[in-house]
Amino acid sequence: MEAILAARWFGVRIVRTELIAMFSPGPIELLIVGVIAVFLFGTRLPEVGRSLGKGLVEFKKGIREIEDEIHSAT
């Protein structure tokens, strides 16, 4: 009985993973997005990437601070 339940659980997990993989961009789509980014930003592309990286770091830092605040409150 446990094996059947485990198989059903993993089956659901596999279907969800395949569904996510179905909607993720493939290599051709990523290449097209990269080419469009080069056309749009040109020589400013490293600067744009740096700005996005800094923004992501700040976002993660904010999330970490909120999590710490929640853990210290409990």
C-alpha atoms as a PDB file:
ATOM      1  CA  MET A   1       0.000   0.000   0.000  1.00  0.00           C
ATOM      2  CA  GLU A   2       2.826   2.425   0.868  1.00  0.00           C
ATOM      3  CA  ALA A   3       4.511   1.717  -2.462  1.00  0.00           C
ATOM      4  CA  ILE A   4       1.324   2.622  -4.331  1.00  0.00           C
ATOM      5  CA  LEU A   5       0.954   5.858  -2.376  1.00  0.00           C
ATOM      6  CA  ALA A   6       4.613   6.704  -2.974  1.00  0.00           C
ATOM      7  CA  ALA A   7       4.242   5.991  -6.685  1.00  0.00           C
ATOM      8  CA  ARG A   8       1.186   8.218  -6.858  1.00  0.00           C
ATOM      9  CA  TRP A   9       3.013  10.981  -4.967  1.00  0.00           C
ATOM     10  CA  PHE A  10       6.064  10.770  -7.218  1.00  0.00           C
ATOM     11  CA  GLY A  11       3.805  10.584 -10.260  1.00  0.00           C
ATOM     12  CA  VAL A  12       2.177  13.850  -9.303  1.00  0.00           C
ATOM     13  CA  ARG A  13       5.606  15.348  -8.652  1.00  0.00           C
ATOM     14  CA  ILE A  14       6.871  14.256 -12.071  1.00  0.00           C
ATOM     15  CA  VAL A  15       3.822  15.690 -13.834  1.00  0.00           C
ATOM     16  CA  ARG A  16       4.329  19.043 -12.102  1.00  0.00           C
ATOM     17  CA  THR A  17       8.012  19.066 -13.067  1.00  0.00           C
ATOM     18  CA  GLU A  18       7.183  18.232 -16.680  1.00  0.00           C
ATOM     19  CA  LEU A  19       4.557  20.974 -16.728  1.00  0.00           C
ATOM     20  CA  ILE A  20       7.085  23.530 -15.485  1.00  0.00           C
ATOM     21  CA  ALA A  21       9.673  22.283 -17.974  1.00  0.00           C
ATOM     22  CA  MET A  22       7.133  22.572 -20.776  1.00  0.00           C
ATOM     23  CA  PHE A  23       6.742  26.312 -20.193  1.00  0.00           C
ATOM     24  CA  SER A  24      10.410  27.107 -19.619  1.00  0.00           C
ATOM     25  CA  PRO A  25      12.373  28.656 -22.497  1.00  0.00           C
ATOM     26  CA  GLY A  26      14.536  26.382 -24.582  1.00  0.00           C
ATOM     27  CA  PRO A  27      17.977  27.163 -25.977  1.00  0.00           C
ATOM     28  CA  ILE A  28      16.627  28.766 -29.162  1.00  0.00           C
ATOM     29  CA  GLU A  29      14.313  31.066 -27.204  1.00  0.00           C
ATOM     30  CA  LEU A  30      17.164  32.055 -24.866  1.00  0.00           C
ATOM     31  CA  LEU A  31      19.358  32.814 -27.875  1.00  0.00           C
ATOM     32  CA  ILE A  32      16.642  35.014 -29.383  1.00  0.00           C
ATOM     33  CA  VAL A  33      16.218  36.883 -26.083  1.00  0.00           C
ATOM     34  CA  GLY A  34      19.996  37.360 -25.896  1.00  0.00           C
ATOM     35  CA  VAL A  35      20.165  38.759 -29.421  1.00  0.00           C
ATOM     36  CA  ILE A  36      17.284  41.146 -28.692  1.00  0.00           C
ATOM     37  CA  ALA A  37      19.031  42.266 -25.487  1.00  0.00           C
ATOM     38  CA  VAL A  38      22.218  43.022 -27.433  1.00  0.00           C
ATOM     39  CA  PHE A  39      20.245  45.039 -29.985  1.00  0.00           C
ATOM     40  CA  LEU A  40      18.379  46.980 -27.308  1.00  0.00           C
ATOM     41  CA  PHE A  41      21.213  47.678 -24.877  1.00  0.00           C
ATOM     42  CA  GLY A  42      24.334  47.303 -27.032  1.00  0.00           C
ATOM     43  CA  THR A  43      27.402  48.580 -25.201  1.00  0.00           C
ATOM     44  CA  ARG A  44      25.384  49.268 -22.052  1.00  0.00           C
ATOM     45  CA  LEU A  45      24.630  45.553 -21.562  1.00  0.00           C
ATOM     46  CA  PRO A  46      27.335  45.010 -18.878  1.00  0.00           C
ATOM     47  CA  GLU A  47      26.074  48.074 -17.039  1.00  0.00           C
ATOM     48  CA  VAL A  48      22.481  46.808 -17.185  1.00  0.00           C
ATOM     49  CA  GLY A  49      23.583  43.373 -15.947  1.00  0.00           C
ATOM     50  CA  ARG A  50      25.499  44.937 -13.068  1.00  0.00           C
ATOM     51  CA  SER A  51      22.448  46.999 -12.081  1.00  0.00           C
ATOM     52  CA  LEU A  52      20.203  43.932 -12.195  1.00  0.00           C
ATOM     53  CA  GLY A  53      22.702  42.018 -10.046  1.00  0.00           C
ATOM     54  CA  LYS A  54      22.813  44.774  -7.437  1.00  0.00           C
ATOM     55  CA  GLY A  55      19.032  44.925  -7.390  1.00  0.00           C
ATOM     56  CA  LEU A  56      18.814  41.181  -6.881  1.00  0.00           C
ATOM     57  CA  VAL A  57      21.312  41.325  -4.008  1.00  0.00           C
ATOM     58  CA  GLU A  58      19.303  44.096  -2.336  1.00  0.00           C
ATOM     59  CA  PHE A  59      16.081  42.117  -2.801  1.00  0.00           C
ATOM     60  CA  LYS A  60      17.606  39.004  -1.230  1.00  0.00           C
ATOM     61  CA  LYS A  61      18.975  41.086   1.644  1.00  0.00           C
ATOM     62  CA  GLY A  62      15.506  42.522   2.274  1.00  0.00           C
ATOM     63  CA  ILE A  63      13.923  39.072   2.233  1.00  0.00           C
ATOM     64  CA  ARG A  64      16.586  37.790   4.649  1.00  0.00           C
ATOM     65  CA  GLU A  65      15.921  40.715   7.021  1.00  0.00           C
ATOM     66  CA  ILE A  66      12.181  40.002   6.975  1.00  0.00           C
ATOM     67  CA  GLU A  67      12.805  36.303   7.671  1.00  0.00           C
ATOM     68  CA  ASP A  68      15.123  37.195  10.565  1.00  0.00           C
ATOM     69  CA  GLU A  69      12.500  39.537  11.950  1.00  0.00           C
ATOM     70  CA  ILE A  70       9.859  36.814  11.782  1.00  0.00           C
ATOM     71  CA  HIS A  71      12.134  34.243  13.447  1.00  0.00           C
ATOM     72  CA  SER A  72      13.128  36.652  16.223  1.00  0.00           C
ATOM     73  CA  ALA A  73       9.463  37.491  16.910  1.00  0.00           C
ATOM     74  CA  THR A  74       8.574  33.854  17.550  1.00  0.00           C
END
